[in-house]
N, C-alpha and C. Protein backbone atom coordinates (compact mmCIF):
# COMPACT_ATOMS: atom_id res chain seq x y z
N MET A 1 238.43 225.51 116.07
CA MET A 1 237.38 224.88 115.31
C MET A 1 237.09 223.52 115.93
N SER A 2 235.84 223.25 116.24
CA SER A 2 235.51 221.97 116.85
C SER A 2 235.01 221.01 115.78
N GLN A 3 235.36 219.76 115.96
CA GLN A 3 234.90 218.73 115.04
C GLN A 3 233.82 217.93 115.72
N ASP A 4 232.87 217.46 114.94
CA ASP A 4 231.78 216.64 115.46
C ASP A 4 232.33 215.27 115.81
N VAL A 5 232.27 214.90 117.10
CA VAL A 5 232.79 213.63 117.57
C VAL A 5 231.90 212.48 117.11
N HIS A 6 230.62 212.73 117.00
CA HIS A 6 229.65 211.69 116.65
C HIS A 6 228.79 212.21 115.50
N PRO A 7 229.27 212.03 114.25
CA PRO A 7 228.51 212.58 113.13
C PRO A 7 227.13 211.95 113.02
N VAL A 8 226.21 212.71 112.48
CA VAL A 8 224.84 212.24 112.30
C VAL A 8 224.84 211.18 111.20
N PRO A 9 224.33 209.99 111.48
CA PRO A 9 224.34 208.94 110.46
C PRO A 9 223.34 209.25 109.34
N ASP A 10 223.62 208.69 108.16
CA ASP A 10 222.72 208.85 107.03
C ASP A 10 221.44 208.06 107.25
N LYS A 11 221.52 206.96 107.99
CA LYS A 11 220.37 206.11 108.28
C LYS A 11 220.12 206.11 109.78
N GLU A 12 218.92 205.74 110.14
CA GLU A 12 218.61 205.54 111.55
C GLU A 12 219.39 204.31 112.03
N PRO A 13 219.84 204.29 113.29
CA PRO A 13 220.61 203.15 113.78
C PRO A 13 219.90 201.80 113.57
N GLU A 14 218.59 201.77 113.66
CA GLU A 14 217.87 200.52 113.47
C GLU A 14 218.04 199.97 112.06
N ASP A 15 218.37 200.85 111.11
CA ASP A 15 218.50 200.45 109.71
C ASP A 15 219.93 200.11 109.31
N TRP A 16 220.88 200.25 110.24
CA TRP A 16 222.27 199.94 109.92
C TRP A 16 222.41 198.44 109.69
N THR A 17 223.17 198.05 108.66
CA THR A 17 223.37 196.63 108.41
C THR A 17 224.22 195.98 109.50
N THR A 18 225.05 196.77 110.18
CA THR A 18 225.88 196.23 111.26
C THR A 18 225.39 196.68 112.63
N GLY A 19 224.19 197.22 112.69
CA GLY A 19 223.67 197.78 113.94
C GLY A 19 223.51 196.79 115.06
N ASP A 20 223.38 195.49 114.73
CA ASP A 20 223.20 194.49 115.78
C ASP A 20 224.53 193.92 116.27
N GLU A 21 225.64 194.36 115.67
CA GLU A 21 226.95 193.93 116.13
C GLU A 21 227.29 194.63 117.44
N PRO A 22 228.21 194.08 118.22
CA PRO A 22 228.60 194.73 119.48
C PRO A 22 229.13 196.14 119.24
N MET A 23 228.91 197.03 120.21
CA MET A 23 229.40 198.40 120.07
C MET A 23 230.91 198.39 119.87
N THR A 24 231.39 199.43 119.23
CA THR A 24 232.82 199.55 118.96
C THR A 24 233.56 200.05 120.20
N GLY A 25 234.86 199.90 120.19
CA GLY A 25 235.68 200.40 121.29
C GLY A 25 235.52 201.89 121.50
N PRO A 26 235.57 202.70 120.42
CA PRO A 26 235.38 204.14 120.59
C PRO A 26 233.99 204.49 121.15
N GLN A 27 232.95 203.77 120.71
CA GLN A 27 231.61 204.02 121.25
C GLN A 27 231.61 203.74 122.75
N GLU A 28 232.19 202.61 123.14
CA GLU A 28 232.20 202.24 124.56
C GLU A 28 232.95 203.27 125.39
N SER A 29 234.10 203.71 124.90
CA SER A 29 234.89 204.70 125.63
C SER A 29 234.12 206.01 125.80
N TYR A 30 233.53 206.50 124.71
CA TYR A 30 232.78 207.75 124.76
C TYR A 30 231.54 207.62 125.63
N LEU A 31 230.88 206.47 125.54
CA LEU A 31 229.70 206.24 126.38
C LEU A 31 230.06 206.31 127.86
N HIS A 32 231.19 205.72 128.23
CA HIS A 32 231.58 205.76 129.64
C HIS A 32 231.88 207.18 130.09
N THR A 33 232.47 207.98 129.21
CA THR A 33 232.73 209.38 129.54
C THR A 33 231.42 210.13 129.75
N LEU A 34 230.49 209.97 128.81
CA LEU A 34 229.18 210.64 128.92
C LEU A 34 228.41 210.15 130.14
N ALA A 35 228.41 208.85 130.35
CA ALA A 35 227.66 208.27 131.47
C ALA A 35 228.20 208.79 132.80
N GLN A 36 229.51 208.90 132.92
CA GLN A 36 230.10 209.42 134.16
C GLN A 36 229.62 210.85 134.40
N GLU A 37 229.61 211.67 133.35
CA GLU A 37 229.16 213.06 133.49
C GLU A 37 227.67 213.13 133.84
N ALA A 38 226.89 212.17 133.34
CA ALA A 38 225.44 212.17 133.58
C ALA A 38 225.07 211.41 134.84
N GLY A 39 226.05 210.78 135.50
CA GLY A 39 225.75 210.00 136.70
C GLY A 39 224.99 208.72 136.38
N GLU A 40 225.25 208.15 135.22
CA GLU A 40 224.56 206.95 134.77
C GLU A 40 225.54 205.79 134.63
N GLN A 41 225.00 204.60 134.45
CA GLN A 41 225.79 203.41 134.17
C GLN A 41 225.57 203.01 132.72
N VAL A 42 226.59 202.46 132.08
CA VAL A 42 226.46 201.95 130.72
C VAL A 42 226.08 200.48 130.81
N PRO A 43 224.95 200.10 130.24
CA PRO A 43 224.55 198.69 130.27
C PRO A 43 225.55 197.83 129.51
N ASP A 44 225.73 196.60 129.94
CA ASP A 44 226.60 195.65 129.26
C ASP A 44 225.94 195.16 127.99
N GLY A 45 226.75 194.78 127.02
CA GLY A 45 226.28 194.10 125.83
C GLY A 45 225.49 194.94 124.84
N LEU A 46 225.73 196.24 124.80
CA LEU A 46 225.00 197.08 123.84
C LEU A 46 225.44 196.80 122.41
N SER A 47 224.50 196.88 121.49
CA SER A 47 224.81 196.79 120.07
C SER A 47 225.30 198.17 119.59
N LYS A 48 225.84 198.20 118.38
CA LYS A 48 226.26 199.49 117.80
C LYS A 48 225.09 200.46 117.74
N ALA A 49 223.93 199.96 117.32
CA ALA A 49 222.75 200.83 117.18
C ALA A 49 222.30 201.34 118.55
N ASP A 50 222.23 200.45 119.54
CA ASP A 50 221.80 200.88 120.88
C ASP A 50 222.80 201.85 121.49
N ALA A 51 224.09 201.60 121.27
CA ALA A 51 225.12 202.50 121.79
C ALA A 51 224.97 203.89 121.16
N SER A 52 224.69 203.93 119.86
CA SER A 52 224.52 205.21 119.18
C SER A 52 223.34 205.98 119.75
N LYS A 53 222.24 205.28 120.00
CA LYS A 53 221.06 205.94 120.57
C LYS A 53 221.35 206.47 121.97
N LEU A 54 222.07 205.68 122.77
CA LEU A 54 222.40 206.10 124.13
C LEU A 54 223.37 207.28 124.10
N ILE A 55 224.31 207.28 123.17
CA ILE A 55 225.22 208.42 123.02
C ILE A 55 224.41 209.68 122.73
N ASP A 56 223.47 209.59 121.80
CA ASP A 56 222.64 210.76 121.48
C ASP A 56 221.89 211.25 122.71
N GLU A 57 221.31 210.33 123.47
CA GLU A 57 220.55 210.69 124.67
C GLU A 57 221.44 211.35 125.71
N LEU A 58 222.61 210.76 125.96
CA LEU A 58 223.50 211.31 126.98
C LEU A 58 224.13 212.63 126.52
N GLN A 59 224.37 212.78 125.23
CA GLN A 59 224.87 214.07 124.74
C GLN A 59 223.85 215.16 125.02
N ALA A 60 222.59 214.86 124.79
CA ALA A 60 221.55 215.84 125.04
C ALA A 60 221.48 216.19 126.53
N ARG A 61 221.63 215.19 127.38
CA ARG A 61 221.53 215.43 128.83
C ARG A 61 222.74 216.15 129.39
N THR A 62 223.92 215.90 128.81
CA THR A 62 225.14 216.51 129.34
C THR A 62 225.51 217.81 128.64
N GLY A 63 224.86 218.09 127.50
CA GLY A 63 225.21 219.28 126.73
C GLY A 63 226.35 219.07 125.77
N ARG A 64 226.92 217.88 125.76
CA ARG A 64 227.97 217.57 124.77
C ARG A 64 227.29 217.36 123.43
N GLY A 65 227.95 217.78 122.40
CA GLY A 65 227.39 217.61 121.07
C GLY A 65 226.30 218.62 120.75
N ALA A 66 226.03 219.54 121.67
CA ALA A 66 225.01 220.56 121.44
C ALA A 66 225.44 221.44 120.27
N GLY A 67 224.48 221.75 119.45
CA GLY A 67 224.75 222.62 118.31
C GLY A 67 225.36 221.90 117.13
N SER A 68 225.43 220.56 117.20
CA SER A 68 226.00 219.84 116.06
C SER A 68 224.94 219.58 115.05
């Protein structure tokens, strides 16, 4: 049974009250994994909201998170 690594938020990232805070450690780690698979670089200084959007984009490009 697979668990969703990045659950769908109840709100859009832009509407998160903490969305402008720096991305979390787990977000950064997962982003680097996805970026490596996609042949991309992770920009420095991403907010939680921006990191979430980039995770969604890279999941779509790499096929991770498909079917969630």
